């Protein structure tokens, strides 16, 4: 029974990733480049994260947490909160898929 539950849960979680629209995600990130850089590898401030090549589940989790704001499992950041406030779950999945598809320079430092 546990194995069946694990298999069903894994299948349910994989559906959004398979349904992600990378091209749509690229369109939805047009304003993000202002802070995270044109290639999402060179943020304007070293405290801002590089987003290119990050795992899509991590990115979706982070965006959802910013959308929740303060509270349980939320992240409090006024700038990010405003950016994600009107995003749907589908928007978040598409953005995460697009950013994950980009080549990463994580660990190479800012230049």
PDB file of N, CA and C in Angstrom:
ATOM      1  N   UNK A   1       0.829  -1.191   0.000  1.00  0.00           N
ATOM      2  CA  UNK A   1       0.000   0.000   0.000  1.00  0.00           C
ATOM      3  C   UNK A   1       0.874   1.255   0.000  1.00  0.00           C
ATOM      4  N   UNK A   2       1.941   1.254   0.824  1.00  0.00           N
ATOM      5  CA  UNK A   2       2.830   2.415   0.864  1.00  0.00           C
ATOM      6  C   UNK A   2       3.476   2.654  -0.494  1.00  0.00           C
ATOM      7  N   UNK A   3       3.883   1.582  -1.158  1.00  0.00           N
ATOM      8  CA  UNK A   3       4.517   1.704  -2.469  1.00  0.00           C
ATOM      9  C   UNK A   3       3.550   2.316  -3.479  1.00  0.00           C
ATOM     10  N   UNK A   4       2.298   1.915  -3.436  1.00  0.00           N
ATOM     11  CA  UNK A   4       1.290   2.472  -4.333  1.00  0.00           C
ATOM     12  C   UNK A   4       1.104   3.962  -4.061  1.00  0.00           C
ATOM     13  N   UNK A   5       1.049   4.344  -2.805  1.00  0.00           N
ATOM     14  CA  UNK A   5       0.897   5.746  -2.437  1.00  0.00           C
ATOM     15  C   UNK A   5       2.090   6.565  -2.919  1.00  0.00           C
ATOM     16  N   UNK A   6       3.288   6.051  -2.750  1.00  0.00           N
ATOM     17  CA  UNK A   6       4.494   6.736  -3.213  1.00  0.00           C
ATOM     18  C   UNK A   6       4.464   6.883  -4.737  1.00  0.00           C
ATOM     19  N   UNK A   7       4.089   5.835  -5.439  1.00  0.00           N
ATOM     20  CA  UNK A   7       4.038   5.875  -6.902  1.00  0.00           C
ATOM     21  C   UNK A   7       2.996   6.883  -7.393  1.00  0.00           C
ATOM     22  N   UNK A   8       1.837   6.907  -6.773  1.00  0.00           N
ATOM     23  CA  UNK A   8       0.794   7.855  -7.170  1.00  0.00           C
ATOM     24  C   UNK A   8       1.209   9.292  -6.875  1.00  0.00           C
ATOM     25  N   UNK A   9       1.851   9.509  -5.745  1.00  0.00           N
ATOM     26  CA  UNK A   9       2.327  10.846  -5.393  1.00  0.00           C
ATOM     27  C   UNK A   9       3.384  11.310  -6.380  1.00  0.00           C
ATOM     28  N   UNK A  10       4.326  10.448  -6.707  1.00  0.00           N
ATOM     29  CA  UNK A  10       5.375  10.797  -7.670  1.00  0.00           C
ATOM     30  C   UNK A  10       4.779  11.119  -9.035  1.00  0.00           C
ATOM     31  N   UNK A  11       3.804  10.341  -9.445  1.00  0.00           N
ATOM     32  CA  UNK A  11       3.158  10.587 -10.739  1.00  0.00           C
ATOM     33  C   UNK A  11       2.427  11.927 -10.733  1.00  0.00           C
ATOM     34  N   UNK A  12       1.755  12.235  -9.654  1.00  0.00           N
ATOM     35  CA  UNK A  12       1.022  13.502  -9.568  1.00  0.00           C
ATOM     36  C   UNK A  12       1.980  14.690  -9.574  1.00  0.00           C
ATOM     37  N   UNK A  13       3.107  14.568  -8.918  1.00  0.00           N
ATOM     38  CA  UNK A  13       4.071  15.653  -8.874  1.00  0.00           C
ATOM     39  C   UNK A  13       4.790  15.859 -10.198  1.00  0.00           C
ATOM     40  N   UNK A  14       4.894  14.840 -11.003  1.00  0.00           N
ATOM     41  CA  UNK A  14       5.607  14.973 -12.271  1.00  0.00           C
ATOM     42  C   UNK A  14       4.753  15.588 -13.370  1.00  0.00           C
ATOM     43  N   UNK A  15       3.450  15.629 -13.197  1.00  0.00           N
ATOM     44  CA  UNK A  15       2.572  16.171 -14.228  1.00  0.00           C
ATOM     45  C   UNK A  15       2.834  17.648 -14.489  1.00  0.00           C
ATOM     46  N   UNK A  16       2.935  18.533 -13.452  1.00  0.00           N
ATOM     47  CA  UNK A  16       3.172  19.932 -13.753  1.00  0.00           C
ATOM     48  C   UNK A  16       4.484  20.163 -14.499  1.00  0.00           C
ATOM     49  N   UNK A  17       5.530  19.437 -14.160  1.00  0.00           N
ATOM     50  CA  UNK A  17       6.808  19.619 -14.835  1.00  0.00           C
ATOM     51  C   UNK A  17       6.699  19.233 -16.302  1.00  0.00           C
ATOM     52  N   UNK A  18       5.988  18.169 -16.595  1.00  0.00           N
ATOM     53  CA  UNK A  18       5.829  17.724 -17.972  1.00  0.00           C
ATOM     54  C   UNK A  18       4.972  18.707 -18.767  1.00  0.00           C
ATOM     55  N   UNK A  19       4.064  19.398 -18.087  1.00  0.00           N
ATOM     56  CA  UNK A  19       3.165  20.320 -18.749  1.00  0.00           C
ATOM     57  C   UNK A  19       3.740  21.729 -18.857  1.00  0.00           C
ATOM     58  N   UNK A  20       4.952  21.941 -18.393  1.00  0.00           N
ATOM     59  CA  UNK A  20       5.543  23.275 -18.391  1.00  0.00           C
ATOM     60  C   UNK A  20       5.782  23.777 -19.814  1.00  0.00           C
ATOM     61  N   UNK A  21       5.553  25.066 -19.994  1.00  0.00           N
ATOM     62  CA  UNK A  21       5.746  25.722 -21.281  1.00  0.00           C
ATOM     63  C   UNK A  21       6.937  26.676 -21.143  1.00  0.00           C
ATOM     64  N   UNK A  22       8.098  26.232 -21.609  1.00  0.00           N
ATOM     65  CA  UNK A  22       9.331  27.001 -21.459  1.00  0.00           C
ATOM     66  C   UNK A  22       9.245  28.338 -22.197  1.00  0.00           C
ATOM     67  N   UNK A  23       8.680  28.349 -23.383  1.00  0.00           N
ATOM     68  CA  UNK A  23       8.565  29.599 -24.151  1.00  0.00           C
ATOM     69  C   UNK A  23       7.686  30.614 -23.417  1.00  0.00           C
ATOM     70  N   UNK A  24       6.616  30.127 -22.828  1.00  0.00           N
ATOM     71  CA  UNK A  24       5.741  31.010 -22.050  1.00  0.00           C
ATOM     72  C   UNK A  24       6.475  31.522 -20.820  1.00  0.00           C
ATOM     73  N   UNK A  25       7.265  30.653 -20.193  1.00  0.00           N
ATOM     74  CA  UNK A  25       8.069  31.058 -19.042  1.00  0.00           C
ATOM     75  C   UNK A  25       9.037  32.173 -19.398  1.00  0.00           C
ATOM     76  N   UNK A  26       9.628  32.095 -20.591  1.00  0.00           N
ATOM     77  CA  UNK A  26      10.553  33.143 -21.052  1.00  0.00           C
ATOM     78  C   UNK A  26       9.827  34.478 -21.156  1.00  0.00           C
ATOM     79  N   UNK A  27       8.606  34.448 -21.669  1.00  0.00           N
ATOM     80  CA  UNK A  27       7.818  35.675 -21.793  1.00  0.00           C
ATOM     81  C   UNK A  27       7.482  36.255 -20.423  1.00  0.00           C
ATOM     82  N   UNK A  28       7.175  35.382 -19.477  1.00  0.00           N
ATOM     83  CA  UNK A  28       6.780  35.833 -18.142  1.00  0.00           C
ATOM     84  C   UNK A  28       7.943  36.404 -17.329  1.00  0.00           C
ATOM     85  N   UNK A  29       9.174  36.170 -17.751  1.00  0.00           N
ATOM     86  CA  UNK A  29      10.337  36.643 -16.978  1.00  0.00           C
ATOM     87  C   UNK A  29      10.918  37.946 -17.508  1.00  0.00           C
ATOM     88  N   UNK A  30      10.231  38.618 -18.404  1.00  0.00           N
ATOM     89  CA  UNK A  30      10.768  39.855 -19.006  1.00  0.00           C
ATOM     90  C   UNK A  30      11.148  40.896 -17.949  1.00  0.00           C
ATOM     91  N   UNK A  31      10.356  41.058 -16.906  1.00  0.00           N
ATOM     92  CA  UNK A  31      10.688  42.058 -15.884  1.00  0.00           C
ATOM     93  C   UNK A  31      11.751  41.564 -14.902  1.00  0.00           C
ATOM     94  N   UNK A  32      11.950  40.271 -14.819  1.00  0.00           N
ATOM     95  CA  UNK A  32      12.905  39.698 -13.859  1.00  0.00           C
ATOM     96  C   UNK A  32      14.351  40.058 -14.189  1.00  0.00           C
ATOM     97  N   UNK A  33      14.615  40.314 -15.472  1.00  0.00           N
ATOM     98  CA  UNK A  33      15.989  40.609 -15.895  1.00  0.00           C
ATOM     99  C   UNK A  33      16.510  41.896 -15.272  1.00  0.00           C
ATOM    100  N   UNK A  34      15.619  42.794 -14.871  1.00  0.00           N
ATOM    101  CA  UNK A  34      16.046  44.057 -14.273  1.00  0.00           C
ATOM    102  C   UNK A  34      16.907  43.835 -13.027  1.00  0.00           C
ATOM    103  N   UNK A  35      16.612  42.807 -12.270  1.00  0.00           N
ATOM    104  CA  UNK A  35      17.382  42.517 -11.052  1.00  0.00           C
ATOM    105  C   UNK A  35      18.301  41.303 -11.189  1.00  0.00           C
ATOM    106  N   UNK A  36      17.838  40.281 -11.912  1.00  0.00           N
ATOM    107  CA  UNK A  36      18.572  39.020 -11.987  1.00  0.00           C
ATOM    108  C   UNK A  36      19.502  38.919 -13.197  1.00  0.00           C
ATOM    109  N   UNK A  37      19.504  39.941 -14.060  1.00  0.00           N
ATOM    110  CA  UNK A  37      20.404  39.978 -15.205  1.00  0.00           C
ATOM    111  C   UNK A  37      19.794  39.354 -16.443  1.00  0.00           C
ATOM    112  N   UNK A  38      20.254  39.822 -17.595  1.00  0.00           N
ATOM    113  CA  UNK A  38      19.689  39.392 -18.879  1.00  0.00           C
ATOM    114  C   UNK A  38      19.785  37.889 -19.102  1.00  0.00           C
ATOM    115  N   UNK A  39      20.838  37.271 -18.598  1.00  0.00           N
ATOM    116  CA  UNK A  39      20.990  35.820 -18.780  1.00  0.00           C
ATOM    117  C   UNK A  39      20.680  35.050 -17.493  1.00  0.00           C
ATOM    118  N   UNK A  40      20.201  35.768 -16.483  1.00  0.00           N
ATOM    119  CA  UNK A  40      19.862  35.205 -15.171  1.00  0.00           C
ATOM    120  C   UNK A  40      21.074  34.605 -14.455  1.00  0.00           C
ATOM    121  N   UNK A  41      22.267  35.006 -14.880  1.00  0.00           N
ATOM    122  CA  UNK A  41      23.520  34.585 -14.249  1.00  0.00           C
ATOM    123  C   UNK A  41      24.286  35.763 -13.648  1.00  0.00           C
ATOM    124  N   UNK A  42      23.855  36.980 -13.935  1.00  0.00           N
ATOM    125  CA  UNK A  42      24.577  38.166 -13.476  1.00  0.00           C
ATOM    126  C   UNK A  42      23.617  39.165 -12.829  1.00  0.00           C
ATOM    127  N   UNK A  43      23.184  38.888 -11.602  1.00  0.00           N
ATOM    128  CA  UNK A  43      22.273  39.815 -10.920  1.00  0.00           C
ATOM    129  C   UNK A  43      22.946  41.170 -10.699  1.00  0.00           C
ATOM    130  N   UNK A  44      22.132  42.200 -10.563  1.00  0.00           N
ATOM    131  CA  UNK A  44      22.670  43.546 -10.370  1.00  0.00           C
ATOM    132  C   UNK A  44      23.265  43.734  -8.981  1.00  0.00           C
ATOM    133  N   UNK A  45      22.932  42.869  -8.060  1.00  0.00           N
ATOM    134  CA  UNK A  45      23.431  42.933  -6.682  1.00  0.00           C
ATOM    135  C   UNK A  45      23.901  41.530  -6.303  1.00  0.00           C
ATOM    136  N   UNK A  46      25.078  41.421  -5.693  1.00  0.00           N
ATOM    137  CA  UNK A  46      25.584  40.085  -5.340  1.00  0.00           C
ATOM    138  C   UNK A  46      24.692  39.314  -4.362  1.00  0.00           C
ATOM    139  N   UNK A  47      23.803  40.021  -3.664  1.00  0.00           N
ATOM    140  CA  UNK A  47      22.912  39.321  -2.735  1.00  0.00           C
ATOM    141  C   UNK A  47      21.708  38.703  -3.449  1.00  0.00           C
ATOM    142  N   UNK A  48      21.482  39.066  -4.713  1.00  0.00           N
ATOM    143  CA  UNK A  48      20.394  38.476  -5.481  1.00  0.00           C
ATOM    144  C   UNK A  48      20.870  37.162  -6.086  1.00  0.00           C
ATOM    145  N   UNK A  49      20.012  36.161  -6.109  1.00  0.00           N
ATOM    146  CA  UNK A  49      20.467  34.851  -6.606  1.00  0.00           C
ATOM    147  C   UNK A  49      20.583  34.777  -8.121  1.00  0.00           C
ATOM    148  N   UNK A  50      21.515  33.944  -8.548  1.00  0.00           N
ATOM    149  CA  UNK A  50      21.572  33.541  -9.953  1.00  0.00           C
ATOM    150  C   UNK A  50      20.465  32.498 -10.124  1.00  0.00           C
ATOM    151  N   UNK A  51      19.652  32.650 -11.133  1.00  0.00           N
ATOM    152  CA  UNK A  51      18.504  31.760 -11.311  1.00  0.00           C
ATOM    153  C   UNK A  51      18.695  30.727 -12.420  1.00  0.00           C
ATOM    154  N   UNK A  52      19.555  31.025 -13.376  1.00  0.00           N
ATOM    155  CA  UNK A  52      19.754  30.117 -14.518  1.00  0.00           C
ATOM    156  C   UNK A  52      20.272  28.769 -14.039  1.00  0.00           C
ATOM    157  N   UNK A  53      19.648  27.720 -14.523  1.00  0.00           N
ATOM    158  CA  UNK A  53      20.106  26.371 -14.232  1.00  0.00           C
ATOM    159  C   UNK A  53      19.707  25.823 -12.875  1.00  0.00           C
ATOM    160  N   UNK A  54      18.990  26.601 -12.084  1.00  0.00           N
ATOM    161  CA  UNK A  54      18.523  26.090 -10.793  1.00  0.00           C
ATOM    162  C   UNK A  54      17.481  24.996 -11.049  1.00  0.00           C
ATOM    163  N   UNK A  55      17.302  24.116 -10.104  1.00  0.00           N
ATOM    164  CA  UNK A  55      16.329  23.036 -10.232  1.00  0.00           C
ATOM    165  C   UNK A  55      14.916  23.613 -10.290  1.00  0.00           C
ATOM    166  N   UNK A  56      14.085  23.166 -11.229  1.00  0.00           N
ATOM    167  CA  UNK A  56      12.750  23.755 -11.373  1.00  0.00           C
ATOM    168  C   UNK A  56      11.879  23.617 -10.124  1.00  0.00           C
ATOM    169  N   UNK A  57      11.991  22.513  -9.412  1.00  0.00           N
ATOM    170  CA  UNK A  57      11.190  22.353  -8.194  1.00  0.00           C
ATOM    171  C   UNK A  57      11.587  23.380  -7.145  1.00  0.00           C
ATOM    172  N   UNK A  58      12.880  23.654  -7.027  1.00  0.00           N
ATOM    173  CA  UNK A  58      13.356  24.665  -6.078  1.00  0.00           C
ATOM    174  C   UNK A  58      12.813  26.040  -6.464  1.00  0.00           C
ATOM    175  N   UNK A  59      12.929  26.378  -7.752  1.00  0.00           N
ATOM    176  CA  UNK A  59      12.460  27.683  -8.218  1.00  0.00           C
ATOM    177  C   UNK A  59      10.956  27.843  -7.980  1.00  0.00           C
ATOM    178  N   UNK A  60      10.192  26.819  -8.294  1.00  0.00           N
ATOM    179  CA  UNK A  60       8.735  26.877  -8.090  1.00  0.00           C
ATOM    180  C   UNK A  60       8.417  27.014  -6.603  1.00  0.00           C
ATOM    181  N   UNK A  61       9.141  26.288  -5.777  1.00  0.00           N
ATOM    182  CA  UNK A  61       8.925  26.376  -4.325  1.00  0.00           C
ATOM    183  C   UNK A  61       9.227  27.793  -3.833  1.00  0.00           C
ATOM    184  N   UNK A  62      10.339  28.370  -4.284  1.00  0.00           N
ATOM    185  CA  UNK A  62      10.724  29.712  -3.852  1.00  0.00           C
ATOM    186  C   UNK A  62       9.685  30.746  -4.302  1.00  0.00           C
ATOM    187  N   UNK A  63       9.252  30.685  -5.552  1.00  0.00           N
ATOM    188  CA  UNK A  63       8.262  31.639  -6.043  1.00  0.00           C
ATOM    189  C   UNK A  63       6.948  31.514  -5.279  1.00  0.00           C
ATOM    190  N   UNK A  64       6.553  30.296  -5.001  1.00  0.00           N
ATOM    191  CA  UNK A  64       5.323  30.067  -4.241  1.00  0.00           C
ATOM    192  C   UNK A  64       5.460  30.610  -2.826  1.00  0.00           C
ATOM    193  N   UNK A  65       6.620  30.433  -2.216  1.00  0.00           N
ATOM    194  CA  UNK A  65       6.852  30.950  -0.865  1.00  0.00           C
ATOM    195  C   UNK A  65       6.803  32.481  -0.852  1.00  0.00           C
ATOM    196  N   UNK A  66       7.371  33.118  -1.873  1.00  0.00           N
ATOM    197  CA  UNK A  66       7.269  34.583  -1.960  1.00  0.00           C
ATOM    198  C   UNK A  66       5.818  35.012  -2.139  1.00  0.00           C
ATOM    199  N   UNK A  67       5.061  34.257  -2.871  1.00  0.00           N
ATOM    200  CA  UNK A  67       3.648  34.577  -3.083  1.00  0.00           C
ATOM    201  C   UNK A  67       2.866  34.461  -1.773  1.00  0.00           C
ATOM    202  N   UNK A  68       3.212  33.469  -0.934  1.00  0.00           N
ATOM    203  CA  UNK A  68       2.561  33.302   0.369  1.00  0.00           C
ATOM    204  C   UNK A  68       2.895  34.457   1.304  1.00  0.00           C
ATOM    205  N   UNK A  69       4.121  34.976   1.188  1.00  0.00           N
ATOM    206  CA  UNK A  69       4.554  36.061   2.070  1.00  0.00           C
ATOM    207  C   UNK A  69       4.825  35.565   3.474  1.00  0.00           C
ATOM    208  N   UNK A  70       4.597  36.423   4.449  1.00  0.00           N
ATOM    209  CA  UNK A  70       4.811  36.059   5.848  1.00  0.00           C
ATOM    210  C   UNK A  70       3.895  34.914   6.237  1.00  0.00           C
ATOM    211  N   UNK A  71       4.362  34.110   7.140  1.00  0.00           N
ATOM    212  CA  UNK A  71       3.533  33.020   7.618  1.00  0.00           C
ATOM    213  C   UNK A  71       4.202  31.688   7.391  1.00  0.00           C
ATOM    214  N   UNK A  72       3.435  30.644   7.546  1.00  0.00           N
ATOM    215  CA  UNK A  72       3.941  29.290   7.429  1.00  0.00           C
ATOM    216  C   UNK A  72       4.454  29.042   6.011  1.00  0.00           C
ATOM    217  N   UNK A  73       5.686  28.586   5.912  1.00  0.00           N
ATOM    218  CA  UNK A  73       6.319  28.256   4.636  1.00  0.00           C
ATOM    219  C   UNK A  73       6.366  29.422   3.650  1.00  0.00           C
ATOM    220  N   UNK A  74       6.361  30.634   4.154  1.00  0.00           N
ATOM    221  CA  UNK A  74       6.417  31.800   3.291  1.00  0.00           C
ATOM    222  C   UNK A  74       7.758  32.506   3.376  1.00  0.00           C
ATOM    223  N   UNK A  75       7.999  33.373   2.410  1.00  0.00           N
ATOM    224  CA  UNK A  75       9.198  34.210   2.397  1.00  0.00           C
ATOM    225  C   UNK A  75       8.732  35.657   2.332  1.00  0.00           C
ATOM    226  N   UNK A  76       9.291  36.474   3.206  1.00  0.00           N
ATOM    227  CA  UNK A  76       8.893  37.866   3.252  1.00  0.00           C
ATOM    228  C   UNK A  76       9.917  38.722   2.520  1.00  0.00           C
ATOM    229  N   UNK A  77       9.544  39.213   1.355  1.00  0.00           N
ATOM    230  CA  UNK A  77      10.375  40.126   0.592  1.00  0.00           C
ATOM    231  C   UNK A  77       9.412  41.000  -0.208  1.00  0.00           C
ATOM    232  N   UNK A  78       9.349  42.293   0.115  1.00  0.00           N
ATOM    233  CA  UNK A  78       8.366  43.154  -0.548  1.00  0.00           C
ATOM    234  C   UNK A  78       8.514  43.213  -2.069  1.00  0.00           C
ATOM    235  N   UNK A  79       9.739  43.202  -2.557  1.00  0.00           N
ATOM    236  CA  UNK A  79       9.943  43.280  -4.010  1.00  0.00           C
ATOM    237  C   UNK A  79       9.462  41.998  -4.676  1.00  0.00           C
ATOM    238  N   UNK A  80       9.939  40.862  -4.189  1.00  0.00           N
ATOM    239  CA  UNK A  80       9.532  39.592  -4.789  1.00  0.00           C
ATOM    240  C   UNK A  80       8.050  39.317  -4.568  1.00  0.00           C
ATOM    241  N   UNK A  81       7.550  39.684  -3.413  1.00  0.00           N
ATOM    242  CA  UNK A  81       6.129  39.494  -3.145  1.00  0.00           C
ATOM    243  C   UNK A  81       5.264  40.207  -4.164  1.00  0.00           C
ATOM    244  N   UNK A  82       5.647  41.450  -4.495  1.00  0.00           N
ATOM    245  CA  UNK A  82       4.894  42.212  -5.494  1.00  0.00           C
ATOM    246  C   UNK A  82       5.039  41.594  -6.885  1.00  0.00           C
ATOM    247  N   UNK A  83       6.215  41.077  -7.197  1.00  0.00           N
ATOM    248  CA  UNK A  83       6.447  40.493  -8.522  1.00  0.00           C
ATOM    249  C   UNK A  83       5.622  39.235  -8.755  1.00  0.00           C
ATOM    250  N   UNK A  84       5.429  38.441  -7.725  1.00  0.00           N
ATOM    251  CA  UNK A  84       4.748  37.147  -7.893  1.00  0.00           C
ATOM    252  C   UNK A  84       3.279  37.161  -7.479  1.00  0.00           C
ATOM    253  N   UNK A  85       2.808  38.269  -6.938  1.00  0.00           N
ATOM    254  CA  UNK A  85       1.451  38.332  -6.378  1.00  0.00           C
ATOM    255  C   UNK A  85       0.374  37.852  -7.346  1.00  0.00           C
ATOM    256  N   UNK A  86       0.502  38.174  -8.612  1.00  0.00           N
ATOM    257  CA  UNK A  86      -0.544  37.834  -9.577  1.00  0.00           C
ATOM    258  C   UNK A  86      -0.226  36.610 -10.431  1.00  0.00           C
ATOM    259  N   UNK A  87       0.839  35.898 -10.090  1.00  0.00           N
ATOM    260  CA  UNK A  87       1.185  34.706 -10.862  1.00  0.00           C
ATOM    261  C   UNK A  87       0.278  33.533 -10.484  1.00  0.00           C
ATOM    262  N   UNK A  88      -0.148  32.793 -11.478  1.00  0.00           N
ATOM    263  CA  UNK A  88      -0.912  31.565 -11.237  1.00  0.00           C
ATOM    264  C   UNK A  88       0.074  30.420 -10.979  1.00  0.00           C
ATOM    265  N   UNK A  89      -0.437  29.289 -10.548  1.00  0.00           N
ATOM    266  CA  UNK A  89       0.411  28.109 -10.372  1.00  0.00           C
ATOM    267  C   UNK A  89       1.055  27.712 -11.695  1.00  0.00           C
ATOM    268  N   UNK A  90       0.312  27.823 -12.782  1.00  0.00           N
ATOM    269  CA  UNK A  90       0.839  27.501 -14.121  1.00  0.00           C
ATOM    270  C   UNK A  90       1.952  28.476 -14.501  1.00  0.00           C
ATOM    271  N   UNK A  91       1.766  29.764 -14.203  1.00  0.00           N
ATOM    272  CA  UNK A  91       2.819  30.751 -14.465  1.00  0.00           C
ATOM    273  C   UNK A  91       4.107  30.354 -13.751  1.00  0.00           C
ATOM    274  N   UNK A  92       3.977  29.970 -12.489  1.00  0.00           N
ATOM    275  CA  UNK A  92       5.142  29.610 -11.681  1.00  0.00           C
ATOM    276  C   UNK A  92       5.846  28.387 -12.262  1.00  0.00           C
ATOM    277  N   UNK A  93       5.099  27.390 -12.671  1.00  0.00           N
ATOM    278  CA  UNK A  93       5.683  26.183 -13.273  1.00  0.00           C
ATOM    279  C   UNK A  93       6.414  26.535 -14.566  1.00  0.00           C
ATOM    280  N   UNK A  94       5.810  27.388 -15.380  1.00  0.00           N
ATOM    281  CA  UNK A  94       6.431  27.774 -16.650  1.00  0.00           C
ATOM    282  C   UNK A  94       7.705  28.591 -16.424  1.00  0.00           C
ATOM    283  N   UNK A  95       7.669  29.523 -15.491  1.00  0.00           N
ATOM    284  CA  UNK A  95       8.858  30.322 -15.171  1.00  0.00           C
ATOM    285  C   UNK A  95       9.970  29.422 -14.659  1.00  0.00           C
ATOM    286  N   UNK A  96       9.640  28.520 -13.750  1.00  0.00           N
ATOM    287  CA  UNK A  96      10.643  27.613 -13.189  1.00  0.00           C
ATOM    288  C   UNK A  96      11.266  26.740 -14.275  1.00  0.00           C
ATOM    289  N   UNK A  97      10.446  26.251 -15.196  1.00  0.00           N
ATOM    290  CA  UNK A  97      10.965  25.414 -16.286  1.00  0.00           C
ATOM    291  C   UNK A  97      11.898  26.210 -17.193  1.00  0.00           C
ATOM    292  N   UNK A  98      11.518  27.447 -17.500  1.00  0.00           N
ATOM    293  CA  UNK A  98      12.365  28.283 -18.353  1.00  0.00           C
ATOM    294  C   UNK A  98      13.712  28.555 -17.684  1.00  0.00           C
ATOM    295  N   UNK A  99      13.680  29.014 -16.438  1.00  0.00           N
ATOM    296  CA  UNK A  99      14.931  29.335 -15.744  1.00  0.00           C
ATOM    297  C   UNK A  99      15.823  28.105 -15.592  1.00  0.00           C
ATOM    298  N   UNK A 100      15.221  26.972 -15.328  1.00  0.00           N
ATOM    299  CA  UNK A 100      15.986  25.729 -15.189  1.00  0.00           C
ATOM    300  C   UNK A 100      16.623  25.313 -16.513  1.00  0.00           C
ATOM    301  N   UNK A 101      16.025  25.714 -17.615  1.00  0.00           N
ATOM    302  CA  UNK A 101      16.550  25.323 -18.930  1.00  0.00           C
ATOM    303  C   UNK A 101      17.767  26.140 -19.362  1.00  0.00           C
ATOM    304  N   UNK A 102      18.031  27.223 -18.668  1.00  0.00           N
ATOM    305  CA  UNK A 102      19.128  28.114 -19.051  1.00  0.00           C
ATOM    306  C   UNK A 102      20.476  27.582 -18.564  1.00  0.00           C
ATOM    307  N   UNK A 103      21.550  27.868 -19.291  1.00  0.00           N
ATOM    308  CA  UNK A 103      22.880  27.440 -18.839  1.00  0.00           C
ATOM    309  C   UNK A 103      23.281  28.200 -17.578  1.00  0.00           C
ATOM    310  N   UNK A 104      23.811  27.481 -16.634  1.00  0.00           N
ATOM    311  CA  UNK A 104      24.167  28.065 -15.332  1.00  0.00           C
ATOM    312  C   UNK A 104      25.647  28.398 -15.239  1.00  0.00           C
ATOM    313  N   UNK A 105      25.910  29.437 -14.476  1.00  0.00           N
ATOM    314  CA  UNK A 105      27.295  29.754 -14.098  1.00  0.00           C
ATOM    315  C   UNK A 105      27.402  29.784 -12.586  1.00  0.00           C
ATOM    316  N   UNK A 106      26.563  29.019 -11.917  1.00  0.00           N
ATOM    317  CA  UNK A 106      26.551  28.976 -10.452  1.00  0.00           C
ATOM    318  C   UNK A 106      27.926  28.557  -9.968  1.00  0.00           C
ATOM    319  N   UNK A 107      28.414  29.305  -8.994  1.00  0.00           N
ATOM    320  CA  UNK A 107      29.725  28.993  -8.420  1.00  0.00           C
ATOM    321  C   UNK A 107      30.877  29.660  -9.133  1.00  0.00           C
ATOM    322  N   UNK A 108      30.620  30.410 -10.207  1.00  0.00           N
ATOM    323  CA  UNK A 108      31.700  31.064 -10.918  1.00  0.00           C
ATOM    324  C   UNK A 108      31.886  32.504 -10.492  1.00  0.00           C
ATOM    325  N   UNK A 109      31.049  32.990  -9.582  1.00  0.00           N
ATOM    326  CA  UNK A 109      31.187  34.344  -9.093  1.00  0.00           C
ATOM    327  C   UNK A 109      30.571  35.366 -10.028  1.00  0.00           C
ATOM    328  N   UNK A 110      30.469  36.588  -9.546  1.00  0.00           N
ATOM    329  CA  UNK A 110      29.904  37.687 -10.343  1.00  0.00           C
ATOM    330  C   UNK A 110      31.021  38.370 -11.114  1.00  0.00           C
ATOM    331  N   UNK A 111      30.717  38.753 -12.329  1.00  0.00           N
ATOM    332  CA  UNK A 111      31.702  39.460 -13.149  1.00  0.00           C
ATOM    333  C   UNK A 111      31.102  40.699 -13.730  1.00  0.00           C
TER     334      UNK A 111
END
